C-alpha atoms as a PDB file:
ATOM      1  CA  MET A   1       0.001   0.009  -0.003  1.00  0.00           C
ATOM      2  CA  GLN A   2       2.890   2.418   0.884  1.00  0.00           C
ATOM      3  CA  ARG A   3       4.452   1.767  -2.532  1.00  0.00           C
ATOM      4  CA  ALA A   4       1.245   2.353  -4.333  1.00  0.00           C
ATOM      5  CA  THR A   5       0.723   5.565  -2.470  1.00  0.00           C
ATOM      6  CA  HIS A   6       4.048   6.785  -3.213  1.00  0.00           C
ATOM      7  CA  ALA A   7       3.791   5.940  -6.894  1.00  0.00           C
ATOM      8  CA  THR A   8       0.439   7.642  -7.179  1.00  0.00           C
ATOM      9  CA  LEU A   9       1.663  10.857  -5.418  1.00  0.00           C
ATOM     10  CA  GLN A  10       4.593  10.962  -7.833  1.00  0.00           C
ATOM     11  CA  LEU A  11       2.372  10.551 -10.813  1.00  0.00           C
ATOM     12  CA  ILE A  12       0.009  13.224  -9.544  1.00  0.00           C
ATOM     13  CA  ALA A  13       2.867  15.603  -8.935  1.00  0.00           C
ATOM     14  CA  ALA A  14       4.240  14.931 -12.400  1.00  0.00           C
ATOM     15  CA  GLU A  15       0.976  15.459 -14.138  1.00  0.00           C
ATOM     16  CA  LEU A  16       0.225  18.647 -12.275  1.00  0.00           C
ATOM     17  CA  VAL A  17       3.636  20.171 -12.280  1.00  0.00           C
ATOM     18  CA  ASP A  18       2.498  23.124 -14.372  1.00  0.00           C
ATOM     19  CA  LEU A  19       0.252  24.239 -11.407  1.00  0.00           C
ATOM     20  CA  ASP A  20       3.270  24.780  -9.317  1.00  0.00           C
ATOM     21  CA  LEU A  21       1.446  23.426  -6.181  1.00  0.00           C
ATOM     22  CA  THR A  22       2.715  21.193  -3.324  1.00  0.00           C
ATOM     23  CA  GLY A  23       1.064  17.833  -2.801  1.00  0.00           C
ATOM     24  CA  SER A  24      -0.590  19.306   0.337  1.00  0.00           C
ATOM     25  CA  GLU A  25      -1.982  22.177  -1.674  1.00  0.00           C
ATOM     26  CA  ILE A  26      -3.245  19.844  -4.399  1.00  0.00           C
ATOM     27  CA  ASN A  27      -4.892  17.716  -1.657  1.00  0.00           C
ATOM     28  CA  ALA A  28      -6.643  20.648  -0.030  1.00  0.00           C
ATOM     29  CA  LEU A  29      -7.954  21.969  -3.374  1.00  0.00           C
ATOM     30  CA  ALA A  30      -9.184  18.450  -4.451  1.00  0.00           C
ATOM     31  CA  ASN A  31     -11.098  18.290  -1.197  1.00  0.00           C
ATOM     32  CA  LEU A  32     -12.713  21.674  -1.769  1.00  0.00           C
ATOM     33  CA  ALA A  33     -13.462  20.937  -5.462  1.00  0.00           C
ATOM     34  CA  ASP A  34     -17.198  20.092  -4.711  1.00  0.00           C
ATOM     35  CA  GLY A  35     -17.741  23.807  -4.037  1.00  0.00           C
ATOM     36  CA  GLN A  36     -18.680  23.339  -0.422  1.00  0.00           C
ATOM     37  CA  GLY A  37     -17.045  25.533   2.011  1.00  0.00           C
ATOM     38  CA  ARG A  38     -15.370  23.873   4.974  1.00  0.00           C
ATOM     39  CA  THR A  39     -14.063  24.902   8.311  1.00  0.00           C
ATOM     40  CA  VAL A  40     -10.406  24.524   8.992  1.00  0.00           C
ATOM     41  CA  SER A  41     -11.247  21.578  11.193  1.00  0.00           C
ATOM     42  CA  GLN A  42     -13.433  19.943   8.611  1.00  0.00           C
ATOM     43  CA  LEU A  43     -10.753  20.412   5.812  1.00  0.00           C
ATOM     44  CA  GLY A  44      -8.130  19.219   8.220  1.00  0.00           C
ATOM     45  CA  ALA A  45      -9.999  15.917   8.701  1.00  0.00           C
ATOM     46  CA  ALA A  46     -10.633  15.541   4.986  1.00  0.00           C
ATOM     47  CA  VAL A  47      -7.040  16.034   4.079  1.00  0.00           C
ATOM     48  CA  GLY A  48      -5.577  14.017   6.989  1.00  0.00           C
ATOM     49  CA  THR A  49      -3.819  16.751   8.834  1.00  0.00           C
ATOM     50  CA  ARG A  50      -4.121  18.739  11.967  1.00  0.00           C
ATOM     51  CA  PRO A  51      -5.604  22.270  11.510  1.00  0.00           C
ATOM     52  CA  THR A  52      -2.373  23.879  12.840  1.00  0.00           C
ATOM     53  CA  THR A  53      -0.402  22.156  10.137  1.00  0.00           C
ATOM     54  CA  LEU A  54      -2.986  23.076   7.516  1.00  0.00           C
ATOM     55  CA  THR A  55      -2.576  26.774   8.277  1.00  0.00           C
ATOM     56  CA  SER A  56       0.647  27.170   6.183  1.00  0.00           C
ATOM     57  CA  VAL A  57      -1.013  25.359   3.274  1.00  0.00           C
ATOM     58  CA  LEU A  58      -4.038  27.643   3.472  1.00  0.00           C
ATOM     59  CA  ASP A  59      -1.800  30.697   3.705  1.00  0.00           C
ATOM     60  CA  ARG A  60      -0.099  29.806   0.483  1.00  0.00           C
ATOM     61  CA  LEU A  61      -3.280  29.045  -1.228  1.00  0.00           C
ATOM     62  CA  GLU A  62      -4.811  32.335  -0.076  1.00  0.00           C
ATOM     63  CA  ARG A  63      -1.777  34.291  -1.197  1.00  0.00           C
ATOM     64  CA  ARG A  64      -2.204  32.660  -4.718  1.00  0.00           C
ATOM     65  CA  GLY A  65      -5.762  33.689  -4.847  1.00  0.00           C
ATOM     66  CA  HIS A  66      -7.318  30.186  -4.715  1.00  0.00           C
ATOM     67  CA  ILE A  67      -9.218  30.316  -1.516  1.00  0.00           C
ATOM     68  CA  THR A  68     -10.750  32.817   0.771  1.00  0.00           C
ATOM     69  CA  ARG A  69     -11.203  32.692   4.508  1.00  0.00           C
ATOM     70  CA  GLY A  70     -14.379  34.016   5.938  1.00  0.00           C
ATOM     71  CA  THR A  71     -16.714  33.573   8.910  1.00  0.00           C
ATOM     72  CA  ARG A  72     -19.348  30.931   9.049  1.00  0.00           C
ATOM     73  CA  ALA A  73     -22.953  32.228   9.222  1.00  0.00           C
ATOM     74  CA  GLY A  74     -24.075  31.961  12.852  1.00  0.00           C
ATOM     75  CA  ASP A  75     -20.647  31.279  14.147  1.00  0.00           C
ATOM     76  CA  ARG A  76     -18.195  33.971  13.899  1.00  0.00           C
ATOM     77  CA  ARG A  77     -15.460  31.973  15.638  1.00  0.00           C
ATOM     78  CA  SER A  78     -15.305  29.447  12.814  1.00  0.00           C
ATOM     79  CA  VAL A  79     -13.210  30.175   9.736  1.00  0.00           C
ATOM     80  CA  LEU A  80     -14.853  29.033   6.510  1.00  0.00           C
ATOM     81  CA  ILE A  81     -12.485  28.190   3.636  1.00  0.00           C
ATOM     82  CA  GLU A  82     -14.037  28.596   0.252  1.00  0.00           C
ATOM     83  CA  LEU A  83     -12.611  28.454  -3.315  1.00  0.00           C
ATOM     84  CA  THR A  84     -12.329  31.599  -5.436  1.00  0.00           C
ATOM     85  CA  ASP A  85     -12.916  31.499  -9.214  1.00  0.00           C
ATOM     86  CA  SER A  86      -9.157  30.792  -9.602  1.00  0.00           C
ATOM     87  CA  GLY A  87      -9.393  28.057  -6.984  1.00  0.00           C
ATOM     88  CA  ARG A  88     -12.448  26.499  -8.741  1.00  0.00           C
ATOM     89  CA  ALA A  89     -10.613  26.400 -11.957  1.00  0.00           C
ATOM     90  CA  THR A  90      -7.513  24.877 -10.457  1.00  0.00           C
ATOM     91  CA  ALA A  91      -9.516  22.328  -8.503  1.00  0.00           C
ATOM     92  CA  ALA A  92     -11.292  21.312 -11.736  1.00  0.00           C
ATOM     93  CA  VAL A  93      -7.984  20.759 -13.409  1.00  0.00           C
ATOM     94  CA  ILE A  94      -6.915  18.599 -10.357  1.00  0.00           C
ATOM     95  CA  THR A  95     -10.201  16.670 -10.371  1.00  0.00           C
ATOM     96  CA  ARG A  96      -9.935  15.863 -14.129  1.00  0.00           C
ATOM     97  CA  THR A  97      -6.282  14.823 -13.675  1.00  0.00           C
ATOM     98  CA  LEU A  98      -7.093  12.523 -10.815  1.00  0.00           C
ATOM     99  CA  ALA A  99      -9.977  10.974 -12.731  1.00  0.00           C
ATOM    100  CA  GLY A 100      -7.718  10.465 -15.728  1.00  0.00           C
ATOM    101  CA  ILE A 101      -5.058   8.737 -13.601  1.00  0.00           C
ATOM    102  CA  GLU A 102      -7.742   6.487 -12.080  1.00  0.00           C
ATOM    103  CA  ASN A 103      -9.273   5.599 -15.296  1.00  0.00           C
ATOM    104  CA  ARG A 104      -5.936   4.696 -16.898  1.00  0.00           C
ATOM    105  CA  ALA A 105      -4.941   2.676 -13.904  1.00  0.00           C
ATOM    106  CA  LEU A 106      -8.146   0.685 -13.769  1.00  0.00           C
ATOM    107  CA  ASP A 107      -8.815   0.464 -17.526  1.00  0.00           C
ATOM    108  CA  GLY A 108      -9.163  -3.189 -18.660  1.00  0.00           C
ATOM    109  CA  LEU A 109      -9.540  -4.649 -15.224  1.00  0.00           C
ATOM    110  CA  PRO A 110     -12.293  -7.263 -14.844  1.00  0.00           C
ATOM    111  CA  ALA A 111     -15.502  -6.120 -13.014  1.00  0.00           C
ATOM    112  CA  GLU A 112     -14.650  -8.510 -10.049  1.00  0.00           C
ATOM    113  CA  ALA A 113     -11.327  -6.904  -9.692  1.00  0.00           C
ATOM    114  CA  LEU A 114     -12.762  -3.519  -9.622  1.00  0.00           C
ATOM    115  CA  ALA A 115     -15.391  -4.418  -7.149  1.00  0.00           C
ATOM    116  CA  GLY A 116     -12.746  -5.937  -4.902  1.00  0.00           C
ATOM    117  CA  PHE A 117     -10.557  -2.801  -5.245  1.00  0.00           C
ATOM    118  CA  HIS A 118     -13.458  -0.560  -4.291  1.00  0.00           C
ATOM    119  CA  ALA A 119     -14.268  -2.702  -1.367  1.00  0.00           C
ATOM    120  CA  VAL A 120     -10.679  -2.439  -0.160  1.00  0.00           C
ATOM    121  CA  LEU A 121     -10.845   1.390  -0.539  1.00  0.00           C
ATOM    122  CA  ASP A 122     -14.171   1.575   1.285  1.00  0.00           C
ATOM    123  CA  ALA A 123     -12.767  -0.460   4.173  1.00  0.00           C
ATOM    124  CA  LEU A 124      -9.758   1.880   4.386  1.00  0.00           C
ATOM    125  CA  VAL A 125     -11.938   4.834   4.545  1.00  0.00           C
ATOM    126  CA  GLU A 126     -14.014   3.262   7.261  1.00  0.00           C
ATOM    127  CA  GLU A 127     -10.856   2.503   9.256  1.00  0.00           C
ATOM    128  CA  GLY A 128      -9.811   6.210   9.074  1.00  0.00           C
ATOM    129  CA  PRO A 129     -10.782   8.950  11.552  1.00  0.00           C
END
């Protein structure tokens, strides 16, 4: 699993090199690609990092104009992270690239193998936080 993760991350970085983003920045934008704003805690849980660690990633994305930080309606203490137009466009590129990588990797596999693969992925997600 570690080797597959490493190979996948290298492939993603290579295919998205023109975006000049770190893996953590790509991960954050991919998790915001659905257009739903998230608090720092929610995004941290989605990307698998502590909110304090995520702060520097968000700082860089904000400086590049990909995200905004605002307050959540009804809770001024929560910081809401949302994509800008630039962030939505970049997240769309990331999403298409990830889908392309997945499609190429899984193309030609029998249905039973794909079902088993998705069962393993679901089990790993369930095992997570």
